[in-house]
N, C-alpha and C. Protein backbone atom coordinates (compact mmCIF):
# COMPACT_ATOMS: atom_id res chain seq x y z
N MET A 1 -26.59 14.08 -27.98
CA MET A 1 -26.09 12.78 -27.70
C MET A 1 -24.49 12.87 -27.62
N ARG A 2 -23.89 12.29 -26.71
CA ARG A 2 -22.41 12.30 -26.55
C ARG A 2 -21.71 11.42 -27.62
N LYS A 3 -20.71 12.05 -28.25
CA LYS A 3 -19.97 11.13 -29.32
C LYS A 3 -19.06 10.17 -28.61
N PRO A 4 -19.04 8.91 -29.20
CA PRO A 4 -18.11 7.87 -28.61
C PRO A 4 -16.64 8.35 -28.57
N SER A 5 -15.91 7.86 -27.70
CA SER A 5 -14.46 8.33 -27.66
C SER A 5 -13.77 7.76 -28.80
N CYS A 6 -14.10 6.60 -29.43
CA CYS A 6 -13.56 6.22 -30.65
C CYS A 6 -14.57 6.00 -31.72
N ASP A 7 -14.34 6.65 -32.86
CA ASP A 7 -15.24 6.61 -33.99
C ASP A 7 -15.35 5.20 -34.38
N ILE A 8 -16.66 4.65 -34.56
CA ILE A 8 -16.81 3.33 -34.81
C ILE A 8 -16.42 2.90 -36.28
N LYS A 9 -16.42 3.93 -37.16
CA LYS A 9 -16.01 3.53 -38.44
C LYS A 9 -14.40 3.24 -38.58
N LEU A 10 -13.65 4.08 -37.68
CA LEU A 10 -12.26 3.96 -37.59
C LEU A 10 -11.82 2.93 -36.52
N GLU A 11 -12.59 2.31 -35.87
CA GLU A 11 -12.23 1.41 -34.81
C GLU A 11 -11.27 0.33 -35.32
N LYS A 12 -11.40 -0.25 -36.42
CA LYS A 12 -10.55 -1.36 -36.71
C LYS A 12 -9.28 -0.72 -37.16
N ASN A 13 -9.11 0.55 -37.46
CA ASN A 13 -7.82 1.09 -37.80
C ASN A 13 -7.16 1.72 -36.72
N ILE A 14 -7.66 1.73 -35.56
CA ILE A 14 -7.05 2.41 -34.29
C ILE A 14 -6.01 1.54 -33.66
N ASN A 15 -4.99 2.22 -33.60
CA ASN A 15 -3.80 1.43 -32.70
C ASN A 15 -4.17 1.26 -31.34
N LYS A 16 -3.84 -0.01 -30.78
CA LYS A 16 -4.11 -0.28 -29.40
C LYS A 16 -2.75 -0.79 -28.95
N GLY A 17 -2.20 -0.44 -27.88
CA GLY A 17 -1.13 -0.89 -27.30
C GLY A 17 0.05 0.09 -27.12
N VAL A 18 1.23 -0.51 -27.35
CA VAL A 18 2.33 0.52 -27.03
C VAL A 18 2.47 1.64 -28.03
N TRP A 19 2.82 2.79 -27.52
CA TRP A 19 2.92 4.06 -28.28
C TRP A 19 4.35 3.94 -29.02
N SER A 20 4.47 4.29 -30.17
CA SER A 20 5.86 4.49 -30.84
C SER A 20 6.22 6.01 -30.49
N LYS A 21 7.56 6.14 -30.84
CA LYS A 21 8.22 7.45 -30.71
C LYS A 21 7.60 8.56 -31.65
N GLN A 22 7.41 8.05 -32.83
CA GLN A 22 6.71 9.03 -33.76
C GLN A 22 5.28 9.43 -33.30
N GLU A 23 4.61 8.39 -32.74
CA GLU A 23 3.16 8.88 -32.21
C GLU A 23 3.35 9.97 -31.14
N ASP A 24 4.32 9.50 -30.15
CA ASP A 24 4.59 10.41 -29.08
C ASP A 24 4.92 11.83 -29.57
N GLN A 25 5.78 11.95 -30.55
CA GLN A 25 6.23 13.20 -31.02
C GLN A 25 5.18 14.00 -31.82
N LYS A 26 4.23 13.33 -32.50
CA LYS A 26 3.10 13.82 -32.96
C LYS A 26 2.03 14.61 -31.99
N LEU A 27 2.01 13.78 -30.94
CA LEU A 27 1.05 14.31 -29.92
C LEU A 27 1.65 15.54 -29.17
N ILE A 28 2.96 15.40 -28.95
CA ILE A 28 3.73 16.51 -28.30
C ILE A 28 3.71 17.75 -29.20
N ASP A 29 3.95 17.62 -30.39
CA ASP A 29 3.96 18.72 -31.35
C ASP A 29 2.54 19.39 -31.44
N TYR A 30 1.57 18.65 -31.56
CA TYR A 30 0.27 19.04 -31.66
C TYR A 30 -0.24 19.89 -30.33
N ILE A 31 0.18 19.28 -29.35
CA ILE A 31 -0.40 20.05 -27.95
C ILE A 31 0.48 21.34 -27.75
N ASN A 32 1.69 21.29 -28.08
CA ASN A 32 2.73 22.34 -28.13
C ASN A 32 2.15 23.54 -28.98
N LYS A 33 1.71 23.11 -30.04
CA LYS A 33 1.22 24.23 -31.10
C LYS A 33 -0.24 24.59 -30.69
N HIS A 34 -1.30 23.81 -30.38
CA HIS A 34 -2.58 24.01 -30.14
C HIS A 34 -3.08 24.04 -28.65
N GLY A 35 -2.28 23.43 -27.82
CA GLY A 35 -2.74 23.33 -26.40
C GLY A 35 -3.50 22.19 -26.23
N GLU A 36 -4.04 21.88 -25.00
CA GLU A 36 -4.80 20.83 -24.61
C GLU A 36 -6.22 21.08 -25.05
N VAL A 37 -6.63 20.57 -26.24
CA VAL A 37 -7.94 20.87 -26.80
C VAL A 37 -8.87 19.83 -26.52
N CYS A 38 -10.03 19.54 -27.21
CA CYS A 38 -11.02 18.50 -27.06
C CYS A 38 -10.32 17.26 -27.44
N TRP A 39 -10.23 16.33 -26.50
CA TRP A 39 -9.40 15.03 -26.64
C TRP A 39 -10.04 14.18 -27.72
N SER A 40 -11.46 14.24 -27.85
CA SER A 40 -12.03 13.40 -28.91
C SER A 40 -11.76 13.77 -30.21
N THR A 41 -11.50 14.99 -30.59
CA THR A 41 -11.04 15.49 -31.78
C THR A 41 -9.62 15.57 -32.16
N LEU A 42 -8.72 15.52 -31.05
CA LEU A 42 -7.41 15.60 -31.16
C LEU A 42 -6.74 14.51 -32.07
N PRO A 43 -7.02 13.32 -31.83
CA PRO A 43 -6.21 12.20 -32.73
C PRO A 43 -6.41 12.52 -34.20
N GLN A 44 -7.55 12.76 -34.62
CA GLN A 44 -7.66 13.00 -36.04
C GLN A 44 -6.95 14.21 -36.57
N ALA A 45 -7.18 15.36 -35.78
CA ALA A 45 -6.46 16.57 -36.19
C ALA A 45 -4.73 16.42 -36.09
N ALA A 46 -4.39 15.62 -35.20
CA ALA A 46 -2.93 15.40 -35.02
C ALA A 46 -2.37 14.33 -35.95
N GLY A 47 -3.24 13.59 -36.64
CA GLY A 47 -2.90 12.52 -37.59
C GLY A 47 -2.54 11.28 -36.87
N LEU A 48 -3.15 11.14 -35.84
CA LEU A 48 -2.97 9.77 -34.90
C LEU A 48 -4.12 8.81 -35.11
N LEU A 49 -3.74 7.62 -35.22
CA LEU A 49 -4.63 6.54 -35.27
C LEU A 49 -4.95 5.99 -33.87
N ARG A 50 -5.38 6.85 -33.04
CA ARG A 50 -5.55 6.47 -31.47
C ARG A 50 -6.92 7.10 -31.20
N CYS A 51 -7.57 6.68 -30.10
CA CYS A 51 -8.82 7.22 -29.70
C CYS A 51 -8.37 8.41 -28.66
N GLY A 52 -9.43 9.35 -28.38
CA GLY A 52 -9.01 10.44 -27.63
C GLY A 52 -8.70 10.19 -26.28
N LYS A 53 -9.30 9.09 -25.63
CA LYS A 53 -8.90 8.73 -24.32
C LYS A 53 -7.29 8.22 -24.19
N SER A 54 -7.05 7.42 -25.18
CA SER A 54 -5.63 7.04 -25.22
C SER A 54 -4.63 8.19 -25.30
N CYS A 55 -5.02 9.15 -26.12
CA CYS A 55 -4.09 10.36 -26.23
C CYS A 55 -4.05 11.02 -24.86
N ARG A 56 -5.30 11.26 -24.30
CA ARG A 56 -5.31 12.06 -23.05
C ARG A 56 -4.51 11.33 -21.94
N LEU A 57 -4.55 10.06 -21.75
CA LEU A 57 -3.94 9.35 -20.84
C LEU A 57 -2.41 9.31 -21.08
N ARG A 58 -1.96 9.23 -22.39
CA ARG A 58 -0.63 9.22 -22.71
C ARG A 58 -0.01 10.59 -22.34
N TRP A 59 -0.58 11.64 -22.67
CA TRP A 59 -0.29 12.95 -22.42
C TRP A 59 -0.10 13.25 -20.79
N MET A 60 -1.25 12.89 -20.08
CA MET A 60 -1.39 13.32 -18.76
C MET A 60 -0.29 12.37 -17.91
N ASN A 61 -0.12 11.18 -18.22
CA ASN A 61 0.77 10.34 -17.38
C ASN A 61 2.10 10.02 -17.87
N TYR A 62 2.46 10.56 -19.09
CA TYR A 62 3.86 10.24 -19.50
C TYR A 62 4.53 11.28 -20.24
N LEU A 63 3.87 12.06 -21.05
CA LEU A 63 4.43 13.07 -21.95
C LEU A 63 4.50 14.63 -21.52
N ARG A 64 3.55 14.98 -20.54
CA ARG A 64 3.63 16.33 -19.94
C ARG A 64 4.94 16.64 -19.49
N PRO A 65 5.46 17.87 -19.79
CA PRO A 65 6.83 18.28 -19.43
C PRO A 65 7.00 18.30 -17.87
N ASP A 66 5.90 18.55 -17.16
CA ASP A 66 6.02 18.68 -15.59
C ASP A 66 5.88 17.41 -14.92
N VAL A 67 5.80 16.22 -15.55
CA VAL A 67 5.69 14.82 -14.91
C VAL A 67 6.92 14.47 -14.34
N LYS A 68 7.09 14.20 -13.13
CA LYS A 68 8.25 13.86 -12.46
C LYS A 68 8.42 12.31 -12.41
N ARG A 69 9.36 11.93 -12.99
CA ARG A 69 9.62 10.40 -13.24
C ARG A 69 10.64 9.98 -12.14
N GLY A 70 10.70 8.64 -11.83
CA GLY A 70 11.73 8.27 -10.85
C GLY A 70 11.26 7.71 -9.57
N ASN A 71 12.01 7.34 -8.64
CA ASN A 71 11.53 6.81 -7.33
C ASN A 71 11.08 7.89 -6.49
N PHE A 72 10.06 7.54 -5.64
CA PHE A 72 9.49 8.36 -4.69
C PHE A 72 10.44 8.60 -3.57
N GLY A 73 10.51 9.87 -3.02
CA GLY A 73 11.44 10.15 -1.93
C GLY A 73 10.78 9.74 -0.52
N GLU A 74 11.64 9.77 0.47
CA GLU A 74 10.89 9.42 1.78
C GLU A 74 9.91 10.44 2.23
N ASP A 75 10.22 11.80 1.93
CA ASP A 75 9.15 12.80 2.30
C ASP A 75 8.02 12.62 1.53
N GLU A 76 8.02 12.25 0.32
CA GLU A 76 6.80 11.95 -0.52
C GLU A 76 6.12 10.84 0.06
N GLU A 77 6.70 9.81 0.39
CA GLU A 77 6.18 8.64 0.96
C GLU A 77 5.39 9.13 2.42
N ASP A 78 6.05 9.75 3.07
CA ASP A 78 5.26 10.13 4.47
C ASP A 78 4.13 10.97 4.12
N LEU A 79 4.20 11.79 3.12
CA LEU A 79 3.06 12.94 2.73
C LEU A 79 1.85 12.00 2.22
N ILE A 80 2.28 10.90 1.54
CA ILE A 80 1.22 10.00 0.87
C ILE A 80 0.34 9.38 2.00
N ILE A 81 1.16 8.89 2.95
CA ILE A 81 0.58 8.14 4.23
C ILE A 81 -0.17 9.07 4.92
N LYS A 82 0.22 10.35 5.19
CA LYS A 82 -0.82 11.20 5.87
C LYS A 82 -1.90 11.61 5.13
N LEU A 83 -1.72 11.90 3.84
CA LEU A 83 -2.87 12.29 3.01
C LEU A 83 -3.88 11.26 2.93
N HIS A 84 -3.35 9.91 2.83
CA HIS A 84 -4.37 8.81 2.70
C HIS A 84 -5.01 8.73 3.91
N ALA A 85 -4.44 8.71 5.10
CA ALA A 85 -5.07 8.75 6.44
C ALA A 85 -6.27 9.79 6.49
N LEU A 86 -5.98 11.02 5.86
CA LEU A 86 -6.94 12.05 5.70
C LEU A 86 -8.08 11.94 4.75
N LEU A 87 -7.57 11.57 3.46
CA LEU A 87 -8.53 11.64 2.31
C LEU A 87 -8.86 10.23 1.82
N GLY A 88 -8.18 9.14 2.38
CA GLY A 88 -8.69 7.77 1.87
C GLY A 88 -8.07 7.71 0.39
N ASN A 89 -8.76 6.83 -0.46
CA ASN A 89 -8.31 6.63 -1.77
C ASN A 89 -8.52 7.68 -2.88
N ARG A 90 -8.51 8.86 -2.44
CA ARG A 90 -8.77 10.01 -3.53
C ARG A 90 -7.42 10.40 -4.11
N TRP A 91 -7.01 9.57 -4.99
CA TRP A 91 -5.70 9.51 -5.64
C TRP A 91 -5.36 10.78 -6.27
N SER A 92 -6.41 11.41 -7.01
CA SER A 92 -6.11 12.79 -7.65
C SER A 92 -5.88 13.92 -6.75
N LEU A 93 -6.59 13.85 -5.59
CA LEU A 93 -6.29 14.88 -4.45
C LEU A 93 -5.02 14.76 -3.86
N ILE A 94 -4.58 13.52 -3.52
CA ILE A 94 -3.22 13.18 -2.99
C ILE A 94 -2.28 13.67 -4.06
N ALA A 95 -2.24 13.34 -5.36
CA ALA A 95 -1.38 13.68 -6.38
C ALA A 95 -1.29 15.11 -6.58
N GLY A 96 -2.33 15.85 -6.29
CA GLY A 96 -2.30 17.22 -6.43
C GLY A 96 -1.36 17.85 -5.39
N ARG A 97 -0.99 17.27 -4.26
CA ARG A 97 -0.29 17.87 -3.37
C ARG A 97 1.33 17.38 -3.45
N LEU A 98 1.42 16.57 -4.56
CA LEU A 98 2.83 16.13 -4.90
C LEU A 98 3.21 16.55 -6.33
N PRO A 99 3.88 17.71 -6.33
CA PRO A 99 4.16 18.24 -7.72
C PRO A 99 4.79 17.32 -8.64
N GLY A 100 4.20 17.11 -9.79
CA GLY A 100 4.74 16.34 -10.93
C GLY A 100 4.37 14.82 -10.86
N ARG A 101 3.72 14.49 -9.83
CA ARG A 101 3.20 13.07 -9.70
C ARG A 101 1.93 13.01 -10.16
N THR A 102 1.51 11.82 -10.87
CA THR A 102 0.19 11.56 -11.36
C THR A 102 -0.57 10.70 -10.36
N ASP A 103 -1.92 10.79 -10.53
CA ASP A 103 -2.74 10.05 -9.60
C ASP A 103 -2.54 8.56 -9.77
N ASN A 104 -2.23 8.17 -11.08
CA ASN A 104 -2.11 6.74 -11.32
C ASN A 104 -0.75 6.17 -10.68
N GLU A 105 0.24 7.07 -10.73
CA GLU A 105 1.51 6.69 -10.32
C GLU A 105 1.52 6.60 -8.74
N VAL A 106 0.87 7.56 -8.18
CA VAL A 106 0.63 7.52 -6.55
C VAL A 106 -0.19 6.22 -6.13
N LYS A 107 -1.22 6.13 -6.82
CA LYS A 107 -1.96 4.88 -6.59
C LYS A 107 -1.26 3.48 -6.79
N ASN A 108 -0.46 3.48 -7.83
CA ASN A 108 0.36 2.22 -7.95
C ASN A 108 1.46 2.11 -6.80
N PHE A 109 2.04 3.27 -6.43
CA PHE A 109 3.10 3.23 -5.42
C PHE A 109 2.47 2.82 -4.10
N TRP A 110 1.23 3.25 -3.89
CA TRP A 110 0.52 3.02 -2.61
C TRP A 110 0.28 1.47 -2.51
N ASN A 111 -0.20 0.81 -3.59
CA ASN A 111 -0.61 -0.52 -3.65
C ASN A 111 0.64 -1.46 -3.64
N SER A 112 1.73 -0.92 -4.33
CA SER A 112 2.73 -1.92 -4.56
C SER A 112 3.82 -1.85 -3.29
N ARG A 113 3.76 -0.65 -2.69
CA ARG A 113 4.88 -0.51 -1.76
C ARG A 113 4.33 -0.05 -0.33
N ILE A 114 3.72 1.04 -0.21
CA ILE A 114 3.36 1.63 1.08
C ILE A 114 2.42 0.63 1.89
N ARG A 115 1.39 0.11 1.05
CA ARG A 115 0.38 -0.60 1.75
C ARG A 115 1.01 -1.83 2.44
N LYS A 116 1.92 -2.44 1.73
CA LYS A 116 2.57 -3.76 2.28
C LYS A 116 3.56 -3.41 3.31
N LYS A 117 4.14 -2.17 3.35
CA LYS A 117 5.01 -1.69 4.39
C LYS A 117 4.25 -1.52 5.66
N LEU A 118 3.11 -0.85 5.43
CA LEU A 118 2.24 -0.66 6.68
C LEU A 118 1.81 -1.97 7.24
N ILE A 119 1.49 -2.93 6.53
CA ILE A 119 1.06 -4.09 7.03
C ILE A 119 2.17 -4.97 7.71
N ARG A 120 3.42 -4.73 7.28
CA ARG A 120 4.48 -5.33 7.90
C ARG A 120 4.76 -4.74 9.34
N LYS A 121 4.41 -3.43 9.38
CA LYS A 121 4.63 -2.75 10.69
C LYS A 121 3.40 -2.84 11.61
N GLY A 122 2.36 -3.77 11.15
CA GLY A 122 1.28 -3.90 11.98
C GLY A 122 0.15 -2.79 12.08
N ILE A 123 0.14 -2.08 10.90
CA ILE A 123 -0.79 -0.99 10.87
C ILE A 123 -1.82 -1.27 9.63
N ASP A 124 -3.07 -1.25 9.96
CA ASP A 124 -4.10 -1.45 8.98
C ASP A 124 -4.08 -0.38 7.95
N PRO A 125 -3.79 -0.55 6.59
CA PRO A 125 -3.59 0.44 5.57
C PRO A 125 -4.96 1.13 5.26
N ASN A 126 -6.09 0.45 5.61
CA ASN A 126 -7.45 1.10 5.31
C ASN A 126 -7.76 2.22 6.36
N ASN A 127 -7.47 2.00 7.61
CA ASN A 127 -7.91 2.98 8.54
C ASN A 127 -6.54 3.50 9.34
N HIS A 128 -5.49 2.96 9.23
CA HIS A 128 -4.31 3.56 9.80
C HIS A 128 -4.21 3.28 11.28
N ASN A 129 -4.90 2.33 11.71
CA ASN A 129 -4.98 1.85 13.07
C ASN A 129 -4.11 0.72 13.26
N LEU A 130 -3.47 0.52 14.53
CA LEU A 130 -2.57 -0.67 14.90
C LEU A 130 -3.48 -1.84 14.73
N HIS A 131 -3.01 -3.05 14.21
CA HIS A 131 -3.57 -4.24 14.29
C HIS A 131 -3.53 -4.71 15.76
N HIS A 132 -4.41 -5.56 16.24
CA HIS A 132 -4.16 -6.08 17.50
C HIS A 132 -3.59 -7.61 17.53
N LYS A 133 -3.07 -7.85 16.29
CA LYS A 133 -2.33 -9.08 16.23
C LYS A 133 -0.82 -8.95 16.68
N ILE A 134 -0.20 -9.92 17.15
CA ILE A 134 1.12 -9.86 17.69
C ILE A 134 1.96 -10.09 16.27
N PRO A 135 2.94 -9.30 16.04
CA PRO A 135 3.71 -9.48 14.99
C PRO A 135 4.50 -10.89 14.96
N PRO A 136 4.73 -11.58 13.73
CA PRO A 136 5.42 -12.83 13.82
C PRO A 136 6.59 -12.93 14.71
N LEU A 137 7.68 -12.18 14.80
CA LEU A 137 8.80 -12.13 15.54
C LEU A 137 8.35 -12.35 17.09
N GLN A 138 7.53 -11.41 17.40
CA GLN A 138 7.18 -11.42 18.86
C GLN A 138 6.40 -12.68 19.30
N ASN A 139 5.61 -13.09 18.22
CA ASN A 139 4.76 -14.28 18.48
C ASN A 139 5.74 -15.53 18.78
N GLN A 140 6.86 -15.60 17.76
CA GLN A 140 7.77 -16.62 17.98
C GLN A 140 8.50 -16.58 19.40
N ILE A 141 8.89 -15.39 19.79
CA ILE A 141 9.60 -15.25 21.11
C ILE A 141 8.64 -15.67 22.23
N MET A 142 7.35 -15.31 22.20
CA MET A 142 6.40 -15.61 23.14
C MET A 142 6.27 -17.16 23.17
N SER A 143 6.24 -17.75 22.02
CA SER A 143 6.13 -19.27 21.85
C SER A 143 7.24 -19.96 22.53
N ASN A 144 8.42 -19.34 22.28
CA ASN A 144 9.78 -20.03 22.85
C ASN A 144 9.73 -19.89 24.32
N SER A 145 9.39 -18.74 24.79
CA SER A 145 9.23 -18.42 26.28
C SER A 145 8.34 -19.55 27.04
N LEU A 146 7.20 -19.71 26.38
CA LEU A 146 6.34 -20.68 26.91
C LEU A 146 6.85 -22.02 27.00
N LYS A 147 7.56 -22.50 25.88
CA LYS A 147 8.17 -23.82 25.90
C LYS A 147 9.31 -23.74 26.90
N TYR A 148 9.78 -22.73 27.16
CA TYR A 148 10.99 -22.71 28.20
C TYR A 148 10.50 -23.06 29.44
N PHE A 149 9.35 -22.43 29.81
CA PHE A 149 8.68 -22.48 31.19
C PHE A 149 7.94 -23.72 31.31
N GLY A 150 7.68 -24.58 30.15
CA GLY A 150 6.78 -25.77 30.21
C GLY A 150 5.45 -25.40 30.07
N LEU A 151 5.02 -24.22 29.58
CA LEU A 151 3.64 -23.85 29.38
C LEU A 151 3.20 -24.11 27.94
N LYS A 152 1.89 -24.43 27.93
CA LYS A 152 1.20 -24.59 26.59
C LYS A 152 0.64 -23.32 26.01
N GLU A 153 0.93 -23.18 24.68
CA GLU A 153 0.29 -21.90 24.07
C GLU A 153 -1.26 -21.95 24.28
N ILE A 154 -1.78 -20.90 24.46
CA ILE A 154 -3.30 -20.82 24.58
C ILE A 154 -3.84 -20.25 23.35
N SER A 155 -4.72 -20.96 22.65
CA SER A 155 -5.43 -20.33 21.46
C SER A 155 -6.73 -19.97 21.81
N LYS A 156 -7.33 -19.10 21.02
CA LYS A 156 -8.69 -18.56 21.25
C LYS A 156 -9.67 -19.65 21.53
N ASN A 157 -9.58 -20.85 20.96
CA ASN A 157 -10.54 -21.89 21.00
C ASN A 157 -10.45 -22.59 22.35
N GLU A 158 -9.41 -22.53 23.12
CA GLU A 158 -9.32 -23.20 24.37
C GLU A 158 -10.20 -22.61 25.41
N THR A 159 -10.58 -23.31 26.38
CA THR A 159 -11.65 -22.95 27.41
C THR A 159 -10.90 -22.25 28.46
N THR A 160 -11.67 -21.61 29.47
CA THR A 160 -11.00 -21.08 30.65
C THR A 160 -10.33 -22.03 31.49
N LYS A 161 -10.77 -23.30 31.40
CA LYS A 161 -10.18 -24.44 32.22
C LYS A 161 -8.74 -24.40 31.98
N THR A 162 -8.17 -24.42 30.67
CA THR A 162 -6.91 -24.46 30.12
C THR A 162 -6.23 -23.28 30.78
N HIS A 163 -6.72 -22.09 30.75
CA HIS A 163 -6.04 -20.97 31.47
C HIS A 163 -5.75 -21.16 32.75
N LEU A 164 -6.83 -21.64 33.52
CA LEU A 164 -6.72 -21.99 35.01
C LEU A 164 -5.55 -23.06 35.30
N ASP A 165 -5.62 -24.17 34.39
CA ASP A 165 -4.55 -25.15 34.53
C ASP A 165 -3.14 -24.62 34.36
N ASN A 166 -2.93 -23.60 33.45
CA ASN A 166 -1.72 -22.90 33.17
C ASN A 166 -1.29 -22.14 34.37
N TYR A 167 -2.38 -21.46 34.88
CA TYR A 167 -2.04 -20.52 36.18
C TYR A 167 -1.61 -21.41 37.28
N ASP A 168 -2.32 -22.60 37.51
CA ASP A 168 -1.90 -23.51 38.59
C ASP A 168 -0.54 -24.04 38.48
N LYS A 169 0.04 -24.27 37.23
CA LYS A 169 1.30 -24.65 36.97
C LYS A 169 2.42 -23.58 37.34
N VAL A 170 1.99 -22.36 36.94
CA VAL A 170 2.96 -21.27 37.36
C VAL A 170 2.86 -21.10 38.83
N SER A 171 1.79 -21.15 39.47
CA SER A 171 1.72 -21.21 40.97
C SER A 171 2.49 -22.15 41.57
N ASN A 172 2.40 -23.45 41.15
CA ASN A 172 3.18 -24.43 41.76
C ASN A 172 4.70 -24.32 41.58
N ALA A 173 4.96 -23.77 40.36
CA ALA A 173 6.42 -23.60 40.02
C ALA A 173 7.00 -22.53 40.90
N THR A 174 6.36 -21.48 41.18
CA THR A 174 6.76 -20.33 42.03
C THR A 174 6.84 -20.76 43.59
N SER A 175 5.81 -21.70 44.00
CA SER A 175 5.78 -22.02 45.23
C SER A 175 6.91 -23.12 45.79
N GLY A 176 7.79 -23.59 44.78
CA GLY A 176 8.79 -24.41 44.98
C GLY A 176 8.31 -25.84 45.00
N ASN A 177 7.29 -26.15 44.37
CA ASN A 177 6.86 -27.57 44.15
C ASN A 177 7.91 -28.32 43.35
N LYS A 178 8.50 -29.23 43.94
CA LYS A 178 9.56 -30.15 43.18
C LYS A 178 9.07 -31.17 42.20
N ASP A 179 7.61 -31.37 42.16
CA ASP A 179 7.07 -32.38 41.31
C ASP A 179 6.96 -31.82 39.88
N GLU A 180 6.93 -30.55 39.74
CA GLU A 180 6.97 -29.95 38.38
C GLU A 180 8.44 -30.07 37.87
N SER A 181 8.44 -30.26 36.49
CA SER A 181 9.71 -30.46 35.71
C SER A 181 10.27 -29.16 35.33
N TYR A 182 9.72 -28.05 35.69
CA TYR A 182 10.22 -26.62 35.33
C TYR A 182 10.04 -25.77 36.62
N ALA A 183 10.72 -24.69 36.53
CA ALA A 183 10.54 -23.67 37.51
C ALA A 183 10.93 -22.33 36.95
N LEU A 184 10.32 -21.34 37.41
CA LEU A 184 10.57 -20.00 36.86
C LEU A 184 11.68 -19.43 37.47
N LEU A 185 12.36 -18.52 36.58
CA LEU A 185 13.52 -17.92 37.13
C LEU A 185 13.28 -17.04 38.27
N ASP A 186 14.30 -17.03 39.23
CA ASP A 186 14.12 -16.14 40.38
C ASP A 186 14.56 -14.71 40.03
N LEU A 187 13.67 -13.85 39.77
CA LEU A 187 13.96 -12.45 39.40
C LEU A 187 13.89 -11.52 40.61
N ASN A 188 15.06 -10.98 40.85
CA ASN A 188 15.13 -9.98 42.00
C ASN A 188 14.45 -8.57 41.47
N LEU A 189 13.36 -8.37 41.92
CA LEU A 189 12.52 -7.15 41.47
C LEU A 189 12.54 -5.99 42.60
N GLU A 190 13.41 -6.14 43.56
CA GLU A 190 13.37 -5.05 44.62
C GLU A 190 13.94 -3.79 43.84
N LEU A 191 13.40 -2.76 44.27
CA LEU A 191 13.87 -1.44 43.83
C LEU A 191 14.58 -0.81 44.91
N SER A 192 15.75 -0.29 44.70
CA SER A 192 16.47 0.46 45.78
C SER A 192 16.85 1.76 45.11
N LEU A 193 16.88 2.91 45.92
CA LEU A 193 17.36 4.15 45.61
C LEU A 193 18.63 4.59 46.11
């Protein structure tokens, strides 16, 4: 039978929450002296009132000497995007290709920054394909153009009749019908060499 991560007898004495500098130093000193041993026995041997899982996570994500802290570079961001397209949400595999970065840090960076950045660019972050939606700025430009020419915006719910009505308005405007209150610009589209 597997031993629980925190001994039930000691559970009420176990610290939960923020690690103190003294606790960090005890953990660092113990691991430097004995190496990464069995995490469930480490807290008691190191004199820490923590569970083994808490010690492991503190070491792996914050205290290891090779953990890289600070902002992600543009090259790291590009690599995360490419690896995510290839591997999906396998954060430990992605972090393995970024020296000094933890899987938790990479996952948090993806969810807080990269995912939102891809959405703003019109890219689906789940499958890395372009959305078929028109970005908001282009949508506004299209709307203003339709208003300029006196055409109504066409929604998905409108019928084909509305499309035909708009087509007739454009046809009448280009044929020089004076009854319409708008006309299309005369564009010279002849090509010459």
